[in-house]
Every structure is written in structure tokens, then in C-alpha cells.
Amino acid sequence: MSIDRPSNGAGGSIRGLELSYQQTLAYGFGIIANYTFVDGERDNIDHHLKNKVPGTSKHSANLTAYYENNQFSTRLSYNYRTQFATGVGETIMDNYGQLDASLTIKLSHALDAQFEFINWADEHIYTFDRNEFAPTGVYVNGRRYYAGLRYQF
């Protein structure tokens, strides 16, 4: 039996840059955006492995548009990240983007109805070992919808 799992590394370095912008536009509309660049490498005792720092994408970005007033609050967000090492052997998670949305409606002074739409575009997760032609997994998590009530005392 063979078991792959993340393990502590021998060290390494990581550096990067994050830019963020938030602006309320007019009449309750606004945007939130950020971009992150990360560059790093790990020291590796096992020299045949790639020297990627697990869990770090070179590029990631988020963009959110929103609208808020006294009765409604809604958000539409797109999150994207480039491929990254999972930390399990040489498994890489491919580029991934996801579209999410939320809506909150104030029903009374203390009661809100909430709706969430996760992975609205039904994106799939693809992992591979060393190159794109050696898949280790294709995950179809599907769209998820949530509805709820929130009462504040």
C-alpha cells in the first residue's frame, strides 16, 4: 500500500505582492478587487520533486461587484488562482476560477432572508501528477445553493 500525504519541508523562501482596491460607486453600487503575486521555492531533500511551495499560486485575483441599501444586499464575486502544488507528492491543482453570489433581504428590523449561490458556473477541479496529461483527480462538486433566515436579538 502506498500513502501520499503532506509533510514538513526542509525550508525555503517566499515573496510576493498584493494589491487591493475598494470603491463605493453611486447609489449603493461598489466594487472590490485584489490581485496577489507570489514567488517562492522550497528547499528539498528529495531532489526529484519540483521545488514549488505547497498551496501557493503564482497569481490569484478576486473581483466583487455589490449593491447595498436599507432593504437589500447583493454580491457577485469571481475568484481565480493559477495552478499550485498540493503538497502531496508532485500533485498539482490546475488553474481554477469560481463564480459565487449572495443576496440578503431585510424582512423586518431583526429578521433577514439570506441566499447563497456557490460555484454558480459549475467549475470542475482538475489535479495532475507532474504534467497535465497524468490526471490524479477530476472533482465535479457542482453548484450549491443555500437559503436561510437570520434573526438578531
C-alpha atoms as a PDB file:
ATOM      1  CA  MET A   1       0.000   0.000   0.000  1.00  0.00           C
ATOM      2  CA  SER A   2       1.256   3.468  -0.885  1.00  0.00           C
ATOM      3  CA  ILE A   3       0.125   6.548   1.012  1.00  0.00           C
ATOM      4  CA  ASP A   4       0.808  10.116  -0.102  1.00  0.00           C
ATOM      5  CA  ARG A   5       0.359  12.930   2.376  1.00  0.00           C
ATOM      6  CA  PRO A   6       1.725  16.408   3.004  1.00  0.00           C
ATOM      7  CA  SER A   7       4.861  16.552   5.124  1.00  0.00           C
ATOM      8  CA  ASN A   8       7.001  19.295   6.612  1.00  0.00           C
ATOM      9  CA  GLY A   9       9.719  20.538   4.300  1.00  0.00           C
ATOM     10  CA  ALA A  10      13.343  21.477   4.815  1.00  0.00           C
ATOM     11  CA  GLY A  11      12.696  25.254   4.488  1.00  0.00           C
ATOM     12  CA  GLY A  12      12.573  27.743   1.679  1.00  0.00           C
ATOM     13  CA  SER A  13      11.632  31.297   0.844  1.00  0.00           C
ATOM     14  CA  ILE A  14       8.553  33.108  -0.377  1.00  0.00           C
ATOM     15  CA  ARG A  15       7.985  36.675  -1.504  1.00  0.00           C
ATOM     16  CA  GLY A  16       5.164  38.477  -3.188  1.00  0.00           C
ATOM     17  CA  LEU A  17       2.957  41.477  -3.713  1.00  0.00           C
ATOM     18  CA  GLU A  18      -0.702  42.105  -3.019  1.00  0.00           C
ATOM     19  CA  LEU A  19      -2.750  44.934  -4.483  1.00  0.00           C
ATOM     20  CA  SER A  20      -6.248  45.750  -3.332  1.00  0.00           C
ATOM     21  CA  TYR A  21      -8.878  48.280  -4.378  1.00  0.00           C
ATOM     22  CA  GLN A  22     -12.313  49.044  -2.984  1.00  0.00           C
ATOM     23  CA  GLN A  23     -14.623  51.764  -4.215  1.00  0.00           C
ATOM     24  CA  THR A  24     -18.197  52.694  -3.447  1.00  0.00           C
ATOM     25  CA  LEU A  25     -19.615  53.977  -6.697  1.00  0.00           C
ATOM     26  CA  ALA A  26     -23.058  55.611  -6.737  1.00  0.00           C
ATOM     27  CA  TYR A  27     -26.497  54.708  -5.404  1.00  0.00           C
ATOM     28  CA  GLY A  28     -25.278  51.746  -3.324  1.00  0.00           C
ATOM     29  CA  PHE A  29     -23.151  50.100  -6.033  1.00  0.00           C
ATOM     30  CA  GLY A  30     -19.495  49.297  -5.473  1.00  0.00           C
ATOM     31  CA  ILE A  31     -16.549  47.092  -6.390  1.00  0.00           C
ATOM     32  CA  ILE A  32     -13.825  45.264  -4.516  1.00  0.00           C
ATOM     33  CA  ALA A  33     -10.782  43.854  -6.319  1.00  0.00           C
ATOM     34  CA  ASN A  34      -7.477  42.340  -5.338  1.00  0.00           C
ATOM     35  CA  TYR A  35      -4.533  40.677  -7.025  1.00  0.00           C
ATOM     36  CA  THR A  36      -1.747  38.660  -5.430  1.00  0.00           C
ATOM     37  CA  PHE A  37       1.588  37.645  -6.929  1.00  0.00           C
ATOM     38  CA  VAL A  38       3.654  35.045  -5.049  1.00  0.00           C
ATOM     39  CA  ASP A  39       7.081  33.708  -5.955  1.00  0.00           C
ATOM     40  CA  GLY A  40       8.898  31.188  -3.830  1.00  0.00           C
ATOM     41  CA  GLU A  41      10.698  27.922  -3.696  1.00  0.00           C
ATOM     42  CA  ARG A  42      11.303  25.295  -1.094  1.00  0.00           C
ATOM     43  CA  ASP A  43      14.459  23.514  -0.118  1.00  0.00           C
ATOM     44  CA  ASN A  44      14.016  19.889  -0.973  1.00  0.00           C
ATOM     45  CA  ILE A  45      15.778  16.877   0.418  1.00  0.00           C
ATOM     46  CA  ASP A  46      14.216  14.705  -2.308  1.00  0.00           C
ATOM     47  CA  HIS A  47      15.755  16.304  -5.428  1.00  0.00           C
ATOM     48  CA  HIS A  48      13.465  14.637  -7.970  1.00  0.00           C
ATOM     49  CA  LEU A  49      10.467  16.659  -6.696  1.00  0.00           C
ATOM     50  CA  LYS A  50       9.615  20.066  -8.111  1.00  0.00           C
ATOM     51  CA  ASN A  51      10.515  22.905  -5.760  1.00  0.00           C
ATOM     52  CA  LYS A  52       7.056  24.504  -5.551  1.00  0.00           C
ATOM     53  CA  VAL A  53       5.798  25.811  -2.225  1.00  0.00           C
ATOM     54  CA  PRO A  54       2.594  23.847  -1.488  1.00  0.00           C
ATOM     55  CA  GLY A  55      -0.630  25.822  -1.544  1.00  0.00           C
ATOM     56  CA  THR A  56       0.772  28.919  -3.249  1.00  0.00           C
ATOM     57  CA  SER A  57      -0.396  30.025  -6.669  1.00  0.00           C
ATOM     58  CA  LYS A  58       1.823  32.418  -8.587  1.00  0.00           C
ATOM     59  CA  HIS A  59      -1.218  34.580  -9.423  1.00  0.00           C
ATOM     60  CA  SER A  60      -4.593  34.936  -7.746  1.00  0.00           C
ATOM     61  CA  ALA A  61      -7.311  37.534  -8.152  1.00  0.00           C
ATOM     62  CA  ASN A  62     -10.759  38.336  -6.802  1.00  0.00           C
ATOM     63  CA  LEU A  63     -13.349  40.699  -8.197  1.00  0.00           C
ATOM     64  CA  THR A  64     -16.600  41.552  -6.433  1.00  0.00           C
ATOM     65  CA  ALA A  65     -19.441  43.804  -7.534  1.00  0.00           C
ATOM     66  CA  TYR A  66     -22.036  44.712  -4.929  1.00  0.00           C
ATOM     67  CA  TYR A  67     -25.199  46.665  -4.297  1.00  0.00           C
ATOM     68  CA  GLU A  68     -26.490  47.627  -0.849  1.00  0.00           C
ATOM     69  CA  ASN A  69     -29.353  49.686   0.505  1.00  0.00           C
ATOM     70  CA  ASN A  70     -31.560  49.516   3.616  1.00  0.00           C
ATOM     71  CA  GLN A  71     -33.629  46.632   2.201  1.00  0.00           C
ATOM     72  CA  PHE A  72     -31.220  44.556   0.042  1.00  0.00           C
ATOM     73  CA  SER A  73     -27.606  43.488  -0.090  1.00  0.00           C
ATOM     74  CA  THR A  74     -26.258  41.531  -3.031  1.00  0.00           C
ATOM     75  CA  ARG A  75     -22.780  40.472  -4.175  1.00  0.00           C
ATOM     76  CA  LEU A  76     -21.381  38.776  -7.254  1.00  0.00           C
ATOM     77  CA  SER A  77     -17.797  37.526  -6.887  1.00  0.00           C
ATOM     78  CA  TYR A  78     -15.312  35.801  -9.170  1.00  0.00           C
ATOM     79  CA  ASN A  79     -12.202  34.208  -7.620  1.00  0.00           C
ATOM     80  CA  TYR A  80      -9.306  32.853  -9.684  1.00  0.00           C
ATOM     81  CA  ARG A  81      -5.959  31.264  -8.949  1.00  0.00           C
ATOM     82  CA  THR A  82      -3.286  29.678 -11.111  1.00  0.00           C
ATOM     83  CA  GLN A  83      -2.051  26.134 -10.568  1.00  0.00           C
ATOM     84  CA  PHE A  84      -0.325  25.192  -7.329  1.00  0.00           C
ATOM     85  CA  ALA A  85       1.370  22.229  -5.665  1.00  0.00           C
ATOM     86  CA  THR A  86      -0.921  20.418  -3.232  1.00  0.00           C
ATOM     87  CA  GLY A  87       1.944  19.187  -1.062  1.00  0.00           C
ATOM     88  CA  VAL A  88       1.091  15.541  -1.754  1.00  0.00           C
ATOM     89  CA  GLY A  89       3.875  14.040  -3.869  1.00  0.00           C
ATOM     90  CA  GLU A  90       4.082  16.046  -7.096  1.00  0.00           C
ATOM     91  CA  THR A  91       0.328  16.576  -7.402  1.00  0.00           C
ATOM     92  CA  ILE A  92      -0.634  19.938  -8.908  1.00  0.00           C
ATOM     93  CA  MET A  93      -4.069  21.538  -8.823  1.00  0.00           C
ATOM     94  CA  ASP A  94      -4.758  23.202 -12.175  1.00  0.00           C
ATOM     95  CA  ASN A  95      -5.892  26.806 -12.662  1.00  0.00           C
ATOM     96  CA  TYR A  96      -9.267  27.341 -11.033  1.00  0.00           C
ATOM     97  CA  GLY A  97     -11.902  30.045 -11.065  1.00  0.00           C
ATOM     98  CA  GLN A  98     -15.241  30.179  -9.283  1.00  0.00           C
ATOM     99  CA  LEU A  99     -18.280  32.452  -9.507  1.00  0.00           C
ATOM    100  CA  ASP A 100     -20.296  32.999  -6.318  1.00  0.00           C
ATOM    101  CA  ALA A 101     -23.258  35.220  -5.449  1.00  0.00           C
ATOM    102  CA  SER A 102     -25.249  36.191  -2.397  1.00  0.00           C
ATOM    103  CA  LEU A 103     -28.461  38.060  -1.649  1.00  0.00           C
ATOM    104  CA  THR A 104     -29.776  39.287   1.698  1.00  0.00           C
ATOM    105  CA  ILE A 105     -33.262  40.735   2.067  1.00  0.00           C
ATOM    106  CA  LYS A 106     -34.281  42.536   5.239  1.00  0.00           C
ATOM    107  CA  LEU A 107     -37.751  41.207   6.156  1.00  0.00           C
ATOM    108  CA  SER A 108     -38.093  43.149   9.423  1.00  0.00           C
ATOM    109  CA  HIS A 109     -35.974  45.031  11.955  1.00  0.00           C
ATOM    110  CA  ALA A 110     -34.458  41.758  13.247  1.00  0.00           C
ATOM    111  CA  LEU A 111     -35.119  39.169  10.514  1.00  0.00           C
ATOM    112  CA  ASP A 112     -33.178  38.682   7.250  1.00  0.00           C
ATOM    113  CA  ALA A 113     -33.607  36.143   4.457  1.00  0.00           C
ATOM    114  CA  GLN A 114     -30.277  35.003   3.024  1.00  0.00           C
ATOM    115  CA  PHE A 115     -29.484  33.203  -0.224  1.00  0.00           C
ATOM    116  CA  GLU A 116     -26.063  31.969  -1.400  1.00  0.00           C
ATOM    117  CA  PHE A 117     -25.014  30.554  -4.766  1.00  0.00           C
ATOM    118  CA  ILE A 118     -21.639  28.781  -4.641  1.00  0.00           C
ATOM    119  CA  ASN A 119     -19.768  27.721  -7.804  1.00  0.00           C
ATOM    120  CA  TRP A 120     -22.585  29.161  -9.904  1.00  0.00           C
ATOM    121  CA  ALA A 121     -20.750  28.373 -13.184  1.00  0.00           C
ATOM    122  CA  ASP A 122     -20.243  24.719 -12.133  1.00  0.00           C
ATOM    123  CA  GLU A 123     -16.438  24.735 -12.475  1.00  0.00           C
ATOM    124  CA  HIS A 124     -14.512  21.463 -12.095  1.00  0.00           C
ATOM    125  CA  ILE A 125     -11.295  20.902 -10.146  1.00  0.00           C
ATOM    126  CA  TYR A 126      -8.529  19.084 -12.045  1.00  0.00           C
ATOM    127  CA  THR A 127      -5.399  17.710 -10.381  1.00  0.00           C
ATOM    128  CA  PHE A 128      -2.467  16.035 -12.082  1.00  0.00           C
ATOM    129  CA  ASP A 129       0.903  14.471 -11.310  1.00  0.00           C
ATOM    130  CA  ARG A 130       3.907  16.326 -12.808  1.00  0.00           C
ATOM    131  CA  ASN A 131       2.167  17.189 -16.119  1.00  0.00           C
ATOM    132  CA  GLU A 132      -1.350  17.876 -17.381  1.00  0.00           C
ATOM    133  CA  PHE A 133      -1.504  14.506 -19.163  1.00  0.00           C
ATOM    134  CA  ALA A 134      -1.273  12.484 -15.925  1.00  0.00           C
ATOM    135  CA  PRO A 135      -4.535  13.285 -14.086  1.00  0.00           C
ATOM    136  CA  THR A 136      -4.908  12.267 -10.448  1.00  0.00           C
ATOM    137  CA  GLY A 137      -8.404  13.609  -9.997  1.00  0.00           C
ATOM    138  CA  VAL A 138     -11.304  15.427 -11.575  1.00  0.00           C
ATOM    139  CA  TYR A 139     -13.715  16.788  -8.998  1.00  0.00           C
ATOM    140  CA  VAL A 140     -17.192  17.827 -10.019  1.00  0.00           C
ATOM    141  CA  ASN A 141     -18.506  19.448  -6.849  1.00  0.00           C
ATOM    142  CA  GLY A 142     -21.464  21.027  -8.624  1.00  0.00           C
ATOM    143  CA  ARG A 143     -23.365  24.182  -7.863  1.00  0.00           C
ATOM    144  CA  ARG A 144     -24.519  24.696  -4.296  1.00  0.00           C
ATOM    145  CA  TYR A 145     -27.465  26.804  -3.228  1.00  0.00           C
ATOM    146  CA  TYR A 146     -28.250  27.810   0.334  1.00  0.00           C
ATOM    147  CA  ALA A 147     -31.208  29.626   1.811  1.00  0.00           C
ATOM    148  CA  GLY A 148     -31.663  30.675   5.399  1.00  0.00           C
ATOM    149  CA  LEU A 149     -33.121  33.079   7.885  1.00  0.00           C
ATOM    150  CA  ARG A 150     -31.091  35.152  10.340  1.00  0.00           C
ATOM    151  CA  TYR A 151     -32.707  36.611  13.425  1.00  0.00           C
ATOM    152  CA  GLN A 152     -30.859  39.173  15.537  1.00  0.00           C
ATOM    153  CA  PHE A 153     -31.812  39.528  19.205  1.00  0.00           C
END
